[in-house]
All heavy atoms as atom14 arrays in JSON, in Angstrom:
{
  "sequence": "EMVRNRSFQHRGKNFASWLPASRGNGSVEIEGGTDGPSTALPTSM",
  "atom14_mask": [
    [1, 1, 1, 1, 1, 1, 1, 1, 1, 0, 0, 0, 0, 0],
    [1, 1, 1, 1, 1, 1, 1, 1, 0, 0, 0, 0, 0, 0],
    [1, 1, 1, 1, 1, 1, 1, 0, 0, 0, 0, 0, 0, 0],
    [1, 1, 1, 1, 1, 1, 1, 1, 1, 1, 1, 0, 0, 0],
    [1, 1, 1, 1, 1, 1, 1, 1, 0, 0, 0, 0, 0, 0],
    [1, 1, 1, 1, 1, 1, 1, 1, 1, 1, 1, 0, 0, 0],
    [1, 1, 1, 1, 1, 1, 0, 0, 0, 0, 0, 0, 0, 0],
    [1, 1, 1, 1, 1, 1, 1, 1, 1, 1, 1, 0, 0, 0],
    [1, 1, 1, 1, 1, 1, 1, 1, 1, 0, 0, 0, 0, 0],
    [1, 1, 1, 1, 1, 1, 1, 1, 1, 1, 0, 0, 0, 0],
    [1, 1, 1, 1, 1, 1, 1, 1, 1, 1, 1, 0, 0, 0],
    [1, 1, 1, 1, 0, 0, 0, 0, 0, 0, 0, 0, 0, 0],
    [1, 1, 1, 1, 1, 1, 1, 1, 1, 0, 0, 0, 0, 0],
    [1, 1, 1, 1, 1, 1, 1, 1, 0, 0, 0, 0, 0, 0],
    [1, 1, 1, 1, 1, 1, 1, 1, 1, 1, 1, 0, 0, 0],
    [1, 1, 1, 1, 1, 0, 0, 0, 0, 0, 0, 0, 0, 0],
    [1, 1, 1, 1, 1, 1, 0, 0, 0, 0, 0, 0, 0, 0],
    [1, 1, 1, 1, 1, 1, 1, 1, 1, 1, 1, 1, 1, 1],
    [1, 1, 1, 1, 1, 1, 1, 1, 0, 0, 0, 0, 0, 0],
    [1, 1, 1, 1, 1, 1, 1, 0, 0, 0, 0, 0, 0, 0],
    [1, 1, 1, 1, 1, 0, 0, 0, 0, 0, 0, 0, 0, 0],
    [1, 1, 1, 1, 1, 1, 0, 0, 0, 0, 0, 0, 0, 0],
    [1, 1, 1, 1, 1, 1, 1, 1, 1, 1, 1, 0, 0, 0],
    [1, 1, 1, 1, 0, 0, 0, 0, 0, 0, 0, 0, 0, 0],
    [1, 1, 1, 1, 1, 1, 1, 1, 0, 0, 0, 0, 0, 0],
    [1, 1, 1, 1, 0, 0, 0, 0, 0, 0, 0, 0, 0, 0],
    [1, 1, 1, 1, 1, 1, 0, 0, 0, 0, 0, 0, 0, 0],
    [1, 1, 1, 1, 1, 1, 1, 0, 0, 0, 0, 0, 0, 0],
    [1, 1, 1, 1, 1, 1, 1, 1, 1, 0, 0, 0, 0, 0],
    [1, 1, 1, 1, 1, 1, 1, 1, 0, 0, 0, 0, 0, 0],
    [1, 1, 1, 1, 1, 1, 1, 1, 1, 0, 0, 0, 0, 0],
    [1, 1, 1, 1, 0, 0, 0, 0, 0, 0, 0, 0, 0, 0],
    [1, 1, 1, 1, 0, 0, 0, 0, 0, 0, 0, 0, 0, 0],
    [1, 1, 1, 1, 1, 1, 1, 0, 0, 0, 0, 0, 0, 0],
    [1, 1, 1, 1, 1, 1, 1, 1, 0, 0, 0, 0, 0, 0],
    [1, 1, 1, 1, 0, 0, 0, 0, 0, 0, 0, 0, 0, 0],
    [1, 1, 1, 1, 1, 1, 1, 0, 0, 0, 0, 0, 0, 0],
    [1, 1, 1, 1, 1, 1, 0, 0, 0, 0, 0, 0, 0, 0],
    [1, 1, 1, 1, 1, 1, 1, 0, 0, 0, 0, 0, 0, 0],
    [1, 1, 1, 1, 1, 0, 0, 0, 0, 0, 0, 0, 0, 0],
    [1, 1, 1, 1, 1, 1, 1, 1, 0, 0, 0, 0, 0, 0],
    [1, 1, 1, 1, 1, 1, 1, 0, 0, 0, 0, 0, 0, 0],
    [1, 1, 1, 1, 1, 1, 1, 0, 0, 0, 0, 0, 0, 0],
    [1, 1, 1, 1, 1, 1, 0, 0, 0, 0, 0, 0, 0, 0],
    [1, 1, 1, 1, 1, 1, 1, 1, 0, 0, 0, 0, 0, 0]
  ],
  "atom14_positions": [
    [[-2.69, -29.66, 14.74], [-2.82, -28.23, 14.42], [-1.55, -27.7, 13.76], [-0.44, -27.93, 14.25], [-3.11, -27.42, 15.69], [-3.19, -25.92, 15.48], [-4.34, -25.52, 14.56], [-5.49, -25.56, 15.02], [-4.05, -25.21, 13.38], [0.0, 0.0, 0.0], [0.0, 0.0, 0.0], [0.0, 0.0, 0.0], [0.0, 0.0, 0.0], [0.0, 0.0, 0.0]],
    [[-1.72, -27.0, 12.63], [-0.57, -26.47, 11.89], [-0.3, -25.0, 12.19], [0.8, -24.5, 11.94], [-0.81, -26.66, 10.39], [-0.92, -28.13, 9.98], [-1.59, -28.37, 8.32], [-0.31, -27.61, 7.32], [0.0, 0.0, 0.0], [0.0, 0.0, 0.0], [0.0, 0.0, 0.0], [0.0, 0.0, 0.0], [0.0, 0.0, 0.0], [0.0, 0.0, 0.0]],
    [[-1.3, -24.28, 12.71], [-1.16, -22.85, 12.98], [-0.57, -22.65, 14.37], [-1.09, -23.17, 15.36], [-2.52, -22.13, 12.88], [-2.39, -20.66, 13.25], [-3.09, -22.28, 11.47], [0.0, 0.0, 0.0], [0.0, 0.0, 0.0], [0.0, 0.0, 0.0], [0.0, 0.0, 0.0], [0.0, 0.0, 0.0], [0.0, 0.0, 0.0], [0.0, 0.0, 0.0]],
    [[0.49, -21.9, 14.43], [1.12, -21.6, 15.71], [0.53, -20.31, 16.28], [0.31, -19.34, 15.57], [2.62, -21.43, 15.52], [3.4, -21.29, 16.83], [4.88, -21.36, 16.55], [5.66, -21.34, 17.78], [6.98, -21.47, 17.82], [7.67, -21.64, 16.69], [7.62, -21.44, 18.97], [0.0, 0.0, 0.0], [0.0, 0.0, 0.0], [0.0, 0.0, 0.0]],
    [[0.25, -20.33, 17.59], [-0.34, -19.17, 18.27], [-1.67, -18.81, 17.63], [-1.93, -17.66, 17.27], [0.64, -17.98, 18.24], [0.19, -16.84, 19.13], [-0.62, -17.01, 20.03], [0.7, -15.64, 18.86], [0.0, 0.0, 0.0], [0.0, 0.0, 0.0], [0.0, 0.0, 0.0], [0.0, 0.0, 0.0], [0.0, 0.0, 0.0], [0.0, 0.0, 0.0]],
    [[-2.54, -19.8, 17.54], [-3.81, -19.63, 16.82], [-4.78, -18.71, 17.56], [-5.7, -18.17, 16.96], [-4.45, -20.98, 16.57], [-4.93, -21.69, 17.83], [-5.45, -23.08, 17.52], [-5.97, -23.74, 18.72], [-6.39, -25.0, 18.74], [-6.35, -25.72, 17.64], [-6.85, -25.52, 19.86], [0.0, 0.0, 0.0], [0.0, 0.0, 0.0], [0.0, 0.0, 0.0]],
    [[-4.6, -18.55, 18.87], [-5.51, -17.69, 19.63], [-4.81, -16.47, 20.22], [-5.35, -15.82, 21.1], [-6.22, -18.49, 20.73], [-5.27, -19.16, 21.54], [0.0, 0.0, 0.0], [0.0, 0.0, 0.0], [0.0, 0.0, 0.0], [0.0, 0.0, 0.0], [0.0, 0.0, 0.0], [0.0, 0.0, 0.0], [0.0, 0.0, 0.0], [0.0, 0.0, 0.0]],
    [[-3.61, -16.19, 19.74], [-2.89, -14.95, 20.07], [-2.69, -14.77, 21.58], [-2.81, -13.67, 22.11], [-3.63, -13.74, 19.49], [-4.23, -13.98, 18.15], [-5.6, -13.84, 17.94], [-3.45, -14.37, 17.08], [-6.17, -14.08, 16.69], [-4.0, -14.62, 15.83], [-5.36, -14.47, 15.64], [0.0, 0.0, 0.0], [0.0, 0.0, 0.0], [0.0, 0.0, 0.0]],
    [[-2.34, -15.88, 22.25], [-2.21, -15.84, 23.7], [-0.76, -15.94, 24.18], [-0.54, -16.07, 25.38], [-3.02, -16.97, 24.33], [-4.5, -16.95, 23.98], [-5.2, -15.72, 24.52], [-5.1, -15.42, 25.7], [-5.9, -15.01, 23.65], [0.0, 0.0, 0.0], [0.0, 0.0, 0.0], [0.0, 0.0, 0.0], [0.0, 0.0, 0.0], [0.0, 0.0, 0.0]],
    [[0.21, -15.91, 23.28], [1.59, -16.06, 23.72], [1.98, -14.92, 24.63], [1.85, -13.74, 24.28], [2.54, -16.13, 22.51], [2.58, -17.48, 21.9], [3.74, -18.19, 21.72], [1.59, -18.27, 21.43], [3.47, -19.36, 21.16], [2.17, -19.43, 20.97], [0.0, 0.0, 0.0], [0.0, 0.0, 0.0], [0.0, 0.0, 0.0], [0.0, 0.0, 0.0]],
    [[2.48, -15.27, 25.79], [2.82, -14.27, 26.81], [3.91, -13.33, 26.3], [4.99, -13.76, 25.9], [3.3, -14.97, 28.08], [3.48, -14.05, 29.27], [3.94, -14.82, 30.47], [5.23, -15.45, 30.24], [5.99, -15.96, 31.2], [5.56, -15.93, 32.44], [7.14, -16.49, 30.94], [0.0, 0.0, 0.0], [0.0, 0.0, 0.0], [0.0, 0.0, 0.0]],
    [[3.64, -12.03, 26.32], [4.63, -11.04, 25.93], [4.73, -10.84, 24.43], [5.24, -9.82, 23.96], [0.0, 0.0, 0.0], [0.0, 0.0, 0.0], [0.0, 0.0, 0.0], [0.0, 0.0, 0.0], [0.0, 0.0, 0.0], [0.0, 0.0, 0.0], [0.0, 0.0, 0.0], [0.0, 0.0, 0.0], [0.0, 0.0, 0.0], [0.0, 0.0, 0.0]],
    [[4.27, -11.82, 23.63], [4.34, -11.72, 22.17], [3.04, -12.26, 21.6], [2.99, -13.33, 21.0], [5.53, -12.5, 21.62], [6.89, -11.95, 22.03], [8.01, -12.74, 21.38], [9.38, -12.18, 21.75], [10.48, -12.95, 21.11], [0.0, 0.0, 0.0], [0.0, 0.0, 0.0], [0.0, 0.0, 0.0], [0.0, 0.0, 0.0], [0.0, 0.0, 0.0]],
    [[1.96, -11.48, 21.78], [0.64, -11.99, 21.44], [0.5, -12.38, 19.97], [-0.3, -13.24, 19.63], [-0.43, -10.97, 21.81], [-0.65, -10.9, 23.31], [-0.17, -11.76, 24.04], [-1.35, -9.89, 23.76], [0.0, 0.0, 0.0], [0.0, 0.0, 0.0], [0.0, 0.0, 0.0], [0.0, 0.0, 0.0], [0.0, 0.0, 0.0], [0.0, 0.0, 0.0]],
    [[1.27, -11.72, 19.1], [1.16, -12.04, 17.67], [2.4, -12.74, 17.15], [2.71, -12.67, 15.96], [0.86, -10.77, 16.88], [-0.39, -10.06, 17.34], [-0.39, -8.71, 17.62], [-1.57, -10.77, 17.52], [-1.55, -8.08, 18.07], [-2.72, -10.15, 17.96], [-2.72, -8.8, 18.24], [0.0, 0.0, 0.0], [0.0, 0.0, 0.0], [0.0, 0.0, 0.0]],
    [[3.1, -13.47, 18.03], [4.25, -14.27, 17.6], [3.79, -15.24, 16.52], [2.7, -15.82, 16.6], [4.84, -15.03, 18.78], [0.0, 0.0, 0.0], [0.0, 0.0, 0.0], [0.0, 0.0, 0.0], [0.0, 0.0, 0.0], [0.0, 0.0, 0.0], [0.0, 0.0, 0.0], [0.0, 0.0, 0.0], [0.0, 0.0, 0.0], [0.0, 0.0, 0.0]],
    [[4.64, -15.44, 15.51], [4.39, -16.32, 14.36], [3.43, -15.73, 13.34], [3.13, -16.37, 12.34], [3.89, -17.71, 14.79], [4.83, -18.31, 15.66], [0.0, 0.0, 0.0], [0.0, 0.0, 0.0], [0.0, 0.0, 0.0], [0.0, 0.0, 0.0], [0.0, 0.0, 0.0], [0.0, 0.0, 0.0], [0.0, 0.0, 0.0], [0.0, 0.0, 0.0]],
    [[2.92, -14.53, 13.58], [2.05, -13.86, 12.63], [2.78, -12.67, 12.01], [3.39, -11.88, 12.72], [0.76, -13.38, 13.3], [-0.14, -14.5, 13.71], [-0.2, -15.11, 14.93], [-1.11, -15.15, 12.89], [-1.14, -16.1, 14.93], [-1.72, -16.15, 13.68], [-1.53, -15.0, 11.58], [-2.72, -16.99, 13.19], [-2.53, -15.82, 11.09], [-3.12, -16.8, 11.89]],
    [[2.69, -12.53, 10.68], [3.39, -11.49, 9.95], [2.45, -10.82, 8.96], [1.49, -11.44, 8.5], [4.58, -12.08, 9.18], [5.65, -12.8, 10.0], [6.59, -13.55, 9.06], [6.42, -11.8, 10.85], [0.0, 0.0, 0.0], [0.0, 0.0, 0.0], [0.0, 0.0, 0.0], [0.0, 0.0, 0.0], [0.0, 0.0, 0.0], [0.0, 0.0, 0.0]],
    [[2.7, -9.54, 8.6], [1.92, -8.92, 7.54], [2.13, -9.63, 6.21], [3.22, -10.14, 5.93], [2.47, -7.49, 7.49], [3.19, -7.28, 8.78], [3.71, -8.63, 9.18], [0.0, 0.0, 0.0], [0.0, 0.0, 0.0], [0.0, 0.0, 0.0], [0.0, 0.0, 0.0], [0.0, 0.0, 0.0], [0.0, 0.0, 0.0], [0.0, 0.0, 0.0]],
    [[1.11, -9.68, 5.37], [1.22, -10.28, 4.04], [0.38, -9.45, 3.08], [-0.62, -8.84, 3.47], [0.73, -11.72, 4.07], [0.0, 0.0, 0.0], [0.0, 0.0, 0.0], [0.0, 0.0, 0.0], [0.0, 0.0, 0.0], [0.0, 0.0, 0.0], [0.0, 0.0, 0.0], [0.0, 0.0, 0.0], [0.0, 0.0, 0.0], [0.0, 0.0, 0.0]],
    [[0.79, -9.41, 1.83], [0.04, -8.61, 0.85], [0.3, -9.1, -0.56], [1.26, -9.83, -0.83], [0.44, -7.13, 0.97], [1.8, -6.95, 0.63], [0.0, 0.0, 0.0], [0.0, 0.0, 0.0], [0.0, 0.0, 0.0], [0.0, 0.0, 0.0], [0.0, 0.0, 0.0], [0.0, 0.0, 0.0], [0.0, 0.0, 0.0], [0.0, 0.0, 0.0]],
    [[-0.57, -8.68, -1.47], [-0.41, -8.86, -2.91], [-0.56, -7.49, -3.54], [-1.49, -6.73, -3.2], [-1.47, -9.82, -3.47], [-1.34, -11.24, -2.97], [-0.14, -11.95, -3.61], [-0.07, -13.35, -3.2], [0.54, -13.78, -2.09], [1.11, -12.9, -1.28], [0.58, -15.07, -1.8], [0.0, 0.0, 0.0], [0.0, 0.0, 0.0], [0.0, 0.0, 0.0]],
    [[0.32, -7.14, -4.47], [0.3, -5.81, -5.05], [0.73, -4.79, -4.01], [1.65, -5.03, -3.21], [0.0, 0.0, 0.0], [0.0, 0.0, 0.0], [0.0, 0.0, 0.0], [0.0, 0.0, 0.0], [0.0, 0.0, 0.0], [0.0, 0.0, 0.0], [0.0, 0.0, 0.0], [0.0, 0.0, 0.0], [0.0, 0.0, 0.0], [0.0, 0.0, 0.0]],
    [[0.05, -3.65, -3.98], [0.41, -2.57, -3.05], [-0.5, -2.53, -1.82], [-0.54, -1.52, -1.12], [0.37, -1.23, -3.78], [1.45, -1.13, -4.83], [2.59, -1.57, -4.6], [1.1, -0.59, -5.99], [0.0, 0.0, 0.0], [0.0, 0.0, 0.0], [0.0, 0.0, 0.0], [0.0, 0.0, 0.0], [0.0, 0.0, 0.0], [0.0, 0.0, 0.0]],
    [[-1.22, -3.6, -1.58], [-2.05, -3.63, -0.39], [-1.21, -3.61, 0.88], [-0.06, -4.01, 0.89], [0.0, 0.0, 0.0], [0.0, 0.0, 0.0], [0.0, 0.0, 0.0], [0.0, 0.0, 0.0], [0.0, 0.0, 0.0], [0.0, 0.0, 0.0], [0.0, 0.0, 0.0], [0.0, 0.0, 0.0], [0.0, 0.0, 0.0], [0.0, 0.0, 0.0]],
    [[-1.81, -3.14, 1.96], [-1.09, -3.08, 3.24], [-2.05, -3.37, 4.38], [-3.27, -3.31, 4.23], [-0.44, -1.7, 3.43], [-1.43, -0.69, 3.53], [0.0, 0.0, 0.0], [0.0, 0.0, 0.0], [0.0, 0.0, 0.0], [0.0, 0.0, 0.0], [0.0, 0.0, 0.0], [0.0, 0.0, 0.0], [0.0, 0.0, 0.0], [0.0, 0.0, 0.0]],
    [[-1.47, -3.67, 5.54], [-2.28, -4.03, 6.7], [-1.65, -3.48, 7.96], [-0.43, -3.4, 8.09], [-2.41, -5.58, 6.81], [-1.05, -6.23, 7.0], [-3.36, -5.96, 7.95], [0.0, 0.0, 0.0], [0.0, 0.0, 0.0], [0.0, 0.0, 0.0], [0.0, 0.0, 0.0], [0.0, 0.0, 0.0], [0.0, 0.0, 0.0], [0.0, 0.0, 0.0]],
    [[-2.5, -3.06, 8.88], [-2.07, -2.66, 10.22], [-2.6, -3.68, 11.21], [-3.8, -4.0, 11.19], [-2.6, -1.27, 10.55], [-2.22, -0.78, 11.94], [-2.82, 0.56, 12.28], [-3.01, 1.38, 11.34], [-3.14, 0.78, 13.47], [0.0, 0.0, 0.0], [0.0, 0.0, 0.0], [0.0, 0.0, 0.0], [0.0, 0.0, 0.0], [0.0, 0.0, 0.0]],
    [[-1.71, -4.22, 12.05], [-2.08, -5.27, 13.0], [-2.06, -4.69, 14.41], [-1.07, -4.07, 14.82], [-1.11, -6.47, 12.92], [-1.05, -7.01, 11.49], [-1.53, -7.56, 13.9], [0.01, -8.09, 11.3], [0.0, 0.0, 0.0], [0.0, 0.0, 0.0], [0.0, 0.0, 0.0], [0.0, 0.0, 0.0], [0.0, 0.0, 0.0], [0.0, 0.0, 0.0]],
    [[-3.14, -4.89, 15.15], [-3.18, -4.44, 16.54], [-4.06, -5.37, 17.34], [-4.78, -6.21, 16.79], [-3.71, -3.0, 16.61], [-5.09, -2.82, 16.02], [-5.53, -1.37, 16.01], [-5.24, -0.67, 17.0], [-6.17, -0.95, 15.03], [0.0, 0.0, 0.0], [0.0, 0.0, 0.0], [0.0, 0.0, 0.0], [0.0, 0.0, 0.0], [0.0, 0.0, 0.0]],
    [[-4.0, -5.24, 18.64], [-4.8, -6.07, 19.5], [-6.25, -5.63, 19.54], [-6.53, -4.44, 19.68], [0.0, 0.0, 0.0], [0.0, 0.0, 0.0], [0.0, 0.0, 0.0], [0.0, 0.0, 0.0], [0.0, 0.0, 0.0], [0.0, 0.0, 0.0], [0.0, 0.0, 0.0], [0.0, 0.0, 0.0], [0.0, 0.0, 0.0], [0.0, 0.0, 0.0]],
    [[-7.16, -6.59, 19.38], [-8.58, -6.3, 19.49], [-9.03, -6.42, 20.94], [-8.55, -7.27, 21.69], [0.0, 0.0, 0.0], [0.0, 0.0, 0.0], [0.0, 0.0, 0.0], [0.0, 0.0, 0.0], [0.0, 0.0, 0.0], [0.0, 0.0, 0.0], [0.0, 0.0, 0.0], [0.0, 0.0, 0.0], [0.0, 0.0, 0.0], [0.0, 0.0, 0.0]],
    [[-9.96, -5.58, 21.33], [-10.39, -5.56, 22.74], [-11.59, -6.45, 23.0], [-12.14, -6.45, 24.09], [-10.74, -4.12, 23.15], [-11.75, -3.62, 22.27], [-9.5, -3.23, 23.09], [0.0, 0.0, 0.0], [0.0, 0.0, 0.0], [0.0, 0.0, 0.0], [0.0, 0.0, 0.0], [0.0, 0.0, 0.0], [0.0, 0.0, 0.0], [0.0, 0.0, 0.0]],
    [[-12.01, -7.2, 22.01], [-13.1, -8.14, 22.21], [-12.74, -9.46, 21.55], [-11.79, -9.57, 20.79], [-14.42, -7.6, 21.66], [-14.37, -7.44, 20.15], [-13.24, -7.36, 19.59], [-15.43, -7.39, 19.51], [0.0, 0.0, 0.0], [0.0, 0.0, 0.0], [0.0, 0.0, 0.0], [0.0, 0.0, 0.0], [0.0, 0.0, 0.0], [0.0, 0.0, 0.0]],
    [[-13.53, -10.49, 21.86], [-13.28, -11.81, 21.3], [-14.56, -12.6, 21.25], [-15.62, -12.14, 21.71], [0.0, 0.0, 0.0], [0.0, 0.0, 0.0], [0.0, 0.0, 0.0], [0.0, 0.0, 0.0], [0.0, 0.0, 0.0], [0.0, 0.0, 0.0], [0.0, 0.0, 0.0], [0.0, 0.0, 0.0], [0.0, 0.0, 0.0], [0.0, 0.0, 0.0]],
    [[-14.53, -13.81, 20.72], [-15.76, -14.59, 20.52], [-16.27, -15.31, 21.76], [-17.35, -15.92, 21.71], [-15.34, -15.6, 19.45], [-13.87, -15.77, 19.67], [-13.35, -14.44, 20.11], [0.0, 0.0, 0.0], [0.0, 0.0, 0.0], [0.0, 0.0, 0.0], [0.0, 0.0, 0.0], [0.0, 0.0, 0.0], [0.0, 0.0, 0.0], [0.0, 0.0, 0.0]],
    [[-15.5, -15.3, 22.87], [-15.94, -16.04, 24.06], [-15.3, -15.45, 25.3], [-14.35, -14.66, 25.23], [-15.56, -17.52, 23.93], [-14.15, -17.66, 23.98], [0.0, 0.0, 0.0], [0.0, 0.0, 0.0], [0.0, 0.0, 0.0], [0.0, 0.0, 0.0], [0.0, 0.0, 0.0], [0.0, 0.0, 0.0], [0.0, 0.0, 0.0], [0.0, 0.0, 0.0]],
    [[-15.81, -15.88, 26.44], [-15.22, -15.46, 27.71], [-13.81, -16.0, 27.85], [-12.92, -15.32, 28.4], [-16.09, -15.97, 28.87], [-17.42, -15.47, 28.72], [-15.53, -15.53, 30.21], [0.0, 0.0, 0.0], [0.0, 0.0, 0.0], [0.0, 0.0, 0.0], [0.0, 0.0, 0.0], [0.0, 0.0, 0.0], [0.0, 0.0, 0.0], [0.0, 0.0, 0.0]],
    [[-13.58, -17.21, 27.35], [-12.24, -17.82, 27.45], [-11.24, -17.1, 26.57], [-10.05, -17.03, 26.89], [-12.31, -19.3, 27.08], [0.0, 0.0, 0.0], [0.0, 0.0, 0.0], [0.0, 0.0, 0.0], [0.0, 0.0, 0.0], [0.0, 0.0, 0.0], [0.0, 0.0, 0.0], [0.0, 0.0, 0.0], [0.0, 0.0, 0.0], [0.0, 0.0, 0.0]],
    [[-11.7, -16.58, 25.42], [-10.82, -15.87, 24.48], [-11.39, -14.47, 24.28], [-12.06, -14.17, 23.28], [-10.76, -16.62, 23.14], [-10.21, -18.06, 23.21], [-10.27, -18.72, 21.83], [-8.79, -18.08, 23.76], [0.0, 0.0, 0.0], [0.0, 0.0, 0.0], [0.0, 0.0, 0.0], [0.0, 0.0, 0.0], [0.0, 0.0, 0.0], [0.0, 0.0, 0.0]],
    [[-11.13, -13.56, 25.24], [-11.79, -12.25, 25.24], [-11.11, -11.19, 24.39], [-11.59, -10.06, 24.32], [-11.73, -11.86, 26.72], [-10.46, -12.49, 27.21], [-10.33, -13.79, 26.46], [0.0, 0.0, 0.0], [0.0, 0.0, 0.0], [0.0, 0.0, 0.0], [0.0, 0.0, 0.0], [0.0, 0.0, 0.0], [0.0, 0.0, 0.0], [0.0, 0.0, 0.0]],
    [[-9.97, -11.53, 23.76], [-9.27, -10.58, 22.9], [-9.11, -11.18, 21.51], [-9.47, -12.33, 21.27], [-7.9, -10.23, 23.49], [-7.11, -11.42, 23.6], [-8.03, -9.59, 24.87], [0.0, 0.0, 0.0], [0.0, 0.0, 0.0], [0.0, 0.0, 0.0], [0.0, 0.0, 0.0], [0.0, 0.0, 0.0], [0.0, 0.0, 0.0], [0.0, 0.0, 0.0]],
    [[-8.54, -10.4, 20.61], [-8.43, -10.86, 19.23], [-7.29, -10.13, 18.53], [-6.61, -9.29, 19.13], [-9.75, -10.6, 18.48], [-10.08, -9.22, 18.52], [0.0, 0.0, 0.0], [0.0, 0.0, 0.0], [0.0, 0.0, 0.0], [0.0, 0.0, 0.0], [0.0, 0.0, 0.0], [0.0, 0.0, 0.0], [0.0, 0.0, 0.0], [0.0, 0.0, 0.0]],
    [[-7.1, -10.46, 17.27], [-6.18, -9.72, 16.4], [-7.01, -8.89, 15.44], [-7.82, -9.44, 14.68], [-5.27, -10.69, 15.64], [-4.3, -9.99, 14.7], [-3.01, -11.09, 14.03], [-3.98, -12.22, 13.06], [0.0, 0.0, 0.0], [0.0, 0.0, 0.0], [0.0, 0.0, 0.0], [0.0, 0.0, 0.0], [0.0, 0.0, 0.0], [0.0, 0.0, 0.0]]
  ]
}
């Protein structure tokens, strides 16, 4: 696996190794999602 913190579970730093990225003047807001695709992974980015 090449992606670090692929399921956003790092304790205290859920989005460690993830950064905003853009092309042109696009922008993004990153926050924790309150749902996820499974019981094991109940949150998201």
